[in-house]
């Protein structure tokens, strides 16, 4: 096994750990709310609200936090290096831990806040999968190519634009689309 294969193996193990941890937390939040008898409509609204919340969090985290963290600078310097594509677990876990108590007053209970967070974390996992795919060599379909074009503008033309990696909508809202 050469060095590149070893690095790829370590990255894969790290990614699996991240996804496993978060999938277990998502399952726990869902089970908790199921045990409490949360109605399907309330469940869908809470989880769906979390998915929508993630799109806004993605924009603000990328714009205001990632561009102040060393691993993200390395991601810009080496955009195809898989060591820097996933957000560090310490950062994502700390962000998730801070989000839960912030959601509690809005959601009305700790269990409902956990369900909203489960939606947001699901959005985060989708973001990570798409971000990995955007930086892959596989062409993909029209949507992936559009996301790649948007994200690569951020990487290679102007890092003060295009902060929404998988949700460019907020770039339009907050005026960070290229002119």
Protein backbone atom coordinates (compact mmCIF):
# COMPACT_ATOMS: atom_id res chain seq x y z
CA UNK A 1 0.00 0.00 0.00
CA UNK A 2 1.46 3.35 -0.99
CA UNK A 3 1.04 6.66 0.84
CA UNK A 4 -1.87 7.85 -1.31
CA UNK A 5 -3.81 4.65 -0.66
CA UNK A 6 -3.16 4.96 3.06
CA UNK A 7 -4.41 8.55 3.11
CA UNK A 8 -7.50 7.54 1.10
CA UNK A 9 -8.19 4.74 3.58
CA UNK A 10 -7.88 7.08 6.58
CA UNK A 11 -10.19 9.61 4.91
CA UNK A 12 -12.76 6.91 4.19
CA UNK A 13 -12.68 5.69 7.80
CA UNK A 14 -13.07 9.27 9.01
CA UNK A 15 -16.04 9.88 6.69
CA UNK A 16 -17.70 6.65 7.79
CA UNK A 17 -17.25 7.65 11.43
CA UNK A 18 -18.82 11.07 10.81
CA UNK A 19 -21.81 9.57 9.00
CA UNK A 20 -22.24 6.80 11.56
CA UNK A 21 -22.21 9.23 14.50
CA UNK A 22 -24.75 11.55 12.90
CA UNK A 23 -27.01 8.79 11.60
CA UNK A 24 -27.18 7.38 15.13
CA UNK A 25 -28.07 10.84 16.51
CA UNK A 26 -30.73 11.31 13.82
CA UNK A 27 -32.19 7.88 14.59
CA UNK A 28 -32.19 8.69 18.31
CA UNK A 29 -34.09 11.94 17.77
CA UNK A 30 -36.62 10.20 15.54
CA UNK A 31 -37.08 7.33 18.03
CA UNK A 32 -37.46 9.78 20.93
CA UNK A 33 -40.25 11.67 19.14
CA UNK A 34 -41.88 8.46 17.96
CA UNK A 35 -41.93 7.18 21.56
CA UNK A 36 -43.57 10.45 22.64
CA UNK A 37 -46.30 9.95 20.04
CA UNK A 38 -45.51 12.99 17.90
CA UNK A 39 -48.00 13.12 15.03
CA UNK A 40 -46.74 12.45 11.50
CA UNK A 41 -47.62 16.02 10.48
CA UNK A 42 -45.68 17.52 13.38
CA UNK A 43 -42.81 15.13 12.72
CA UNK A 44 -42.68 16.10 9.03
CA UNK A 45 -42.91 19.82 9.81
CA UNK A 46 -40.13 19.64 12.41
CA UNK A 47 -37.81 17.48 10.33
CA UNK A 48 -38.56 19.45 7.15
CA UNK A 49 -38.00 22.71 8.99
CA UNK A 50 -34.60 21.39 10.02
CA UNK A 51 -33.74 20.54 6.42
CA UNK A 52 -34.66 24.09 5.36
CA UNK A 53 -32.74 25.52 8.31
CA UNK A 54 -29.65 23.64 7.15
CA UNK A 55 -29.67 25.53 3.83
CA UNK A 56 -29.39 28.83 5.68
CA UNK A 57 -26.82 27.45 8.13
CA UNK A 58 -24.73 26.15 5.22
CA UNK A 59 -24.55 29.65 3.76
CA UNK A 60 -23.68 31.43 7.02
CA UNK A 61 -21.26 28.78 8.27
CA UNK A 62 -19.39 28.82 4.97
CA UNK A 63 -19.38 32.60 4.68
CA UNK A 64 -18.58 33.56 8.27
CA UNK A 65 -16.97 30.54 9.97
CA UNK A 66 -15.21 28.39 7.38
CA UNK A 67 -13.27 31.30 5.93
CA UNK A 68 -11.72 31.85 9.35
CA UNK A 69 -10.62 28.22 9.89
CA UNK A 70 -7.34 26.63 8.77
CA UNK A 71 -8.80 23.44 7.25
CA UNK A 72 -10.96 25.51 4.92
CA UNK A 73 -7.99 27.54 3.72
CA UNK A 74 -6.32 24.23 2.94
CA UNK A 75 -9.46 23.19 1.06
CA UNK A 76 -9.13 26.29 -1.10
CA UNK A 77 -5.44 25.72 -1.63
CA UNK A 78 -5.89 22.01 -2.44
CA UNK A 79 -9.53 21.66 -3.60
CA UNK A 80 -9.15 18.10 -4.85
CA UNK A 81 -7.42 16.83 -1.69
CA UNK A 82 -10.02 14.72 0.08
CA UNK A 83 -8.45 15.45 3.47
CA UNK A 84 -9.94 18.94 3.30
CA UNK A 85 -13.34 18.36 1.69
CA UNK A 86 -15.25 17.17 4.77
CA UNK A 87 -15.71 19.64 7.61
CA UNK A 88 -13.69 18.57 10.65
CA UNK A 89 -15.77 16.45 13.03
CA UNK A 90 -14.88 18.68 16.00
CA UNK A 91 -16.35 21.68 14.15
CA UNK A 92 -19.53 20.00 12.94
CA UNK A 93 -20.16 18.34 16.30
CA UNK A 94 -19.56 21.57 18.24
CA UNK A 95 -21.92 23.40 15.85
CA UNK A 96 -24.59 20.73 16.31
CA UNK A 97 -24.18 20.83 20.09
CA UNK A 98 -24.63 24.62 20.10
CA UNK A 99 -27.65 24.45 17.80
CA UNK A 100 -29.78 22.14 19.96
CA UNK A 101 -30.29 24.55 22.91
CA UNK A 102 -30.92 27.40 20.46
CA UNK A 103 -33.69 25.39 18.82
CA UNK A 104 -35.34 24.43 22.14
CA UNK A 105 -37.28 27.70 22.74
CA UNK A 106 -38.46 27.84 19.12
CA UNK A 107 -39.39 24.15 18.91
CA UNK A 108 -41.15 24.13 22.29
CA UNK A 109 -39.43 21.08 23.77
CA UNK A 110 -36.09 19.33 23.86
CA UNK A 111 -37.46 16.37 21.92
CA UNK A 112 -38.93 18.55 19.15
CA UNK A 113 -35.68 20.56 19.03
CA UNK A 114 -33.85 17.25 18.56
CA UNK A 115 -36.14 16.42 15.65
CA UNK A 116 -35.55 19.81 14.00
CA UNK A 117 -31.83 19.27 14.52
CA UNK A 118 -32.13 15.78 13.01
CA UNK A 119 -33.46 17.46 9.87
CA UNK A 120 -30.64 20.01 9.89
CA UNK A 121 -28.02 17.29 10.42
CA UNK A 122 -29.58 15.27 7.58
CA UNK A 123 -29.17 18.36 5.41
CA UNK A 124 -25.55 18.58 6.54
CA UNK A 125 -24.90 14.96 5.56
CA UNK A 126 -26.47 15.57 2.14
CA UNK A 127 -24.26 18.65 1.83
CA UNK A 128 -21.14 16.62 2.62
CA UNK A 129 -22.07 13.93 0.09
CA UNK A 130 -22.72 16.53 -2.60
CA UNK A 131 -19.56 18.46 -1.73
CA UNK A 132 -17.52 15.28 -2.12
CA UNK A 133 -19.28 14.62 -5.43
CA UNK A 134 -18.75 18.20 -6.65
CA UNK A 135 -14.99 17.75 -6.13
CA UNK A 136 -14.92 14.32 -7.78
CA UNK A 137 -13.87 13.65 -11.34
CA UNK A 138 -17.29 12.19 -12.26
CA UNK A 139 -19.19 14.54 -14.54
CA UNK A 140 -22.66 13.86 -13.13
CA UNK A 141 -25.95 15.17 -14.44
CA UNK A 142 -27.10 18.71 -15.11
CA UNK A 143 -27.77 19.61 -11.46
CA UNK A 144 -24.35 18.41 -10.32
CA UNK A 145 -22.65 20.29 -13.14
CA UNK A 146 -24.52 23.49 -12.19
CA UNK A 147 -23.56 23.11 -8.52
CA UNK A 148 -19.95 22.42 -9.52
CA UNK A 149 -19.86 25.54 -11.73
CA UNK A 150 -21.27 27.63 -8.86
CA UNK A 151 -18.87 26.18 -6.29
CA UNK A 152 -15.84 26.34 -8.57
CA UNK A 153 -16.54 30.02 -9.16
CA UNK A 154 -16.07 30.42 -5.39
CA UNK A 155 -12.84 28.40 -5.50
CA UNK A 156 -11.18 29.68 -8.63
CA UNK A 157 -12.64 33.10 -9.49
CA UNK A 158 -13.78 34.94 -6.35
CA UNK A 159 -13.91 33.45 -2.85
CA UNK A 160 -16.12 36.35 -1.71
CA UNK A 161 -18.97 34.99 -3.86
CA UNK A 162 -20.99 31.76 -4.10
CA UNK A 163 -21.03 30.58 -0.47
CA UNK A 164 -23.99 28.25 -0.96
CA UNK A 165 -22.25 25.05 -1.99
CA UNK A 166 -25.41 23.00 -2.56
CA UNK A 167 -28.01 25.74 -2.04
CA UNK A 168 -27.12 28.77 -4.20
CA UNK A 169 -30.54 30.27 -3.34
CA UNK A 170 -29.11 32.17 -0.35
CA UNK A 171 -26.39 33.72 -2.54
CA UNK A 172 -29.21 35.35 -4.49
CA UNK A 173 -30.97 36.51 -1.29
CA UNK A 174 -27.80 37.92 0.32
CA UNK A 175 -26.25 39.36 -2.84
CA UNK A 176 -23.24 37.07 -3.10
CA UNK A 177 -23.83 35.85 -6.64
CA UNK A 178 -21.34 36.96 -9.27
CA UNK A 179 -22.50 39.87 -11.40
